[in-house]
Amino acid sequence: MIIHYLDNSATTRVSEAAAQAALGLMRDNFGNPSSLHEVGLNAEKAVEQARHTIAGSLGADAKSIFFTSGGTEGNNTVLFGVAEALRRRGNRIIVSAVEHSSVYESAKRLSEMGFDVRYAPVGSDGVVDVEALKALLTEKTILVSAMTVNNETGAIQPIERIARLVHKLSPEAVFHSDAVQAYCKIPLKPKKWGVDVMTVSAHKIHGAKGCGALYIGSGARVEGGRVVPLLYGGEQQRRQRPGTESTPLIAAFSKAVEEADIAVNGTYIRELNAYATERLSELDGIAFNSSEDALPYIINISAEGVRSETMLHHLEAREVYISSSSACSKGKRSYVLAAMGLPDDRVDSSLRISFSKYNTKEDIDALVEGLRDGLATLQKR
């Protein structure tokens, strides 16, 4: 049976080339990259080649790239590592009110540890209110974190503008951006933009789960150009992220990046988005929560009168797969949409549709027909 998978912001299908790259490192070039013999050195070469590939995609130096297990580890490393590294300089930490839970929950924990955590509000479009953020910046600010693209609505944040503001008003602060949803979908230039640390991940771009990377620029205002590590116990990756590297997942990550064509994929996704928007607009009871300026890979809607979970199960019975919010939220109510000022009924009926290069108009047609039937049969009377 054909499935219509439109939940690509949760995870993507691993590409054939990425899967084959991983298999090659599992079966053939299987050495430990820290071993000093030839088998290990061959594995190390594969890791370093991948490091250069990821660095190139960010316009960065290879030495600024550190492999992680994914976005959550990367974001936790930054939040806790920078807080620990700079706590003598100040204790204010600012994050946007719509961050991924791996940043949002880390910030809550830092607040419990005594840090002065502030949340920068967003407008109805989900974009950070830069003037409100400006008012929060002080000389005691040590970290600011604002994601490049929101994982629920696709809202694109003015990262370069925020970076300039942070470095002007809080020159001792580190500016971090979670770019997991933006990576290989829009051009990213952390060094040029003034982003000190950036998080990216493999499984949103047709790589494998369990692999990601941190960009830590030489301008990051921490001791030795690194944050306090989250893990200890080895010399790998200059001790910033020790532990035996997962060479198969790293190779798959590299291949997925090599395959990503931002321009070609972007054109195709914009066409899909336009078609989906047109078809969804045919339905009575559909409200759009994503703005027209959002990343076209994501459309957030509300099927008014039908709770998200109810509609998701209705669509699943038709082999149509979307989500209610972030996959990490496990169905909990979206604090992102609440921060945008949406009423409770819109939040409780919200649905996220997210595309990849493998989607077709037939997937959208199946979604629309499923929603049409659901609105007719499930809507509260």
Foldseek 3Di string as FASTA:
>chain_A
DDFQEFALLQFDAADPVLLVLLVCCVPPLVAFCVDPDPSNVVLVVLLLVLLVLVQVLQVHDSLQKDKFQALLQQLLFVLVQQCVQCVVQAQEEEEALQDDCSNVVSLVVSVVVPGRYDHFFDALQLEGPLVSVLVSFALRYAEYEYAQAGSFFQDGYPQLVSLVSCCVHHVNYAYEYEDAQPRLQDRHHCVVSNHQKYWYGQRSQNADRGMIMMRGDCPGNGPPSATHAPDADACPSNRNDDDGDSSSRSSSSSVSSVPRDNVVFQVVLQVLLVLLVVLLVVAPQKAWSHDPPGRSQKTKIFNFQAFQVRLQVLLVVLSQHWHQGHVVVVLDFRSSSVSNVDDPRGRRRMIMGGDGSPHDVVSSVSVSVSSRVCSVPPGDD
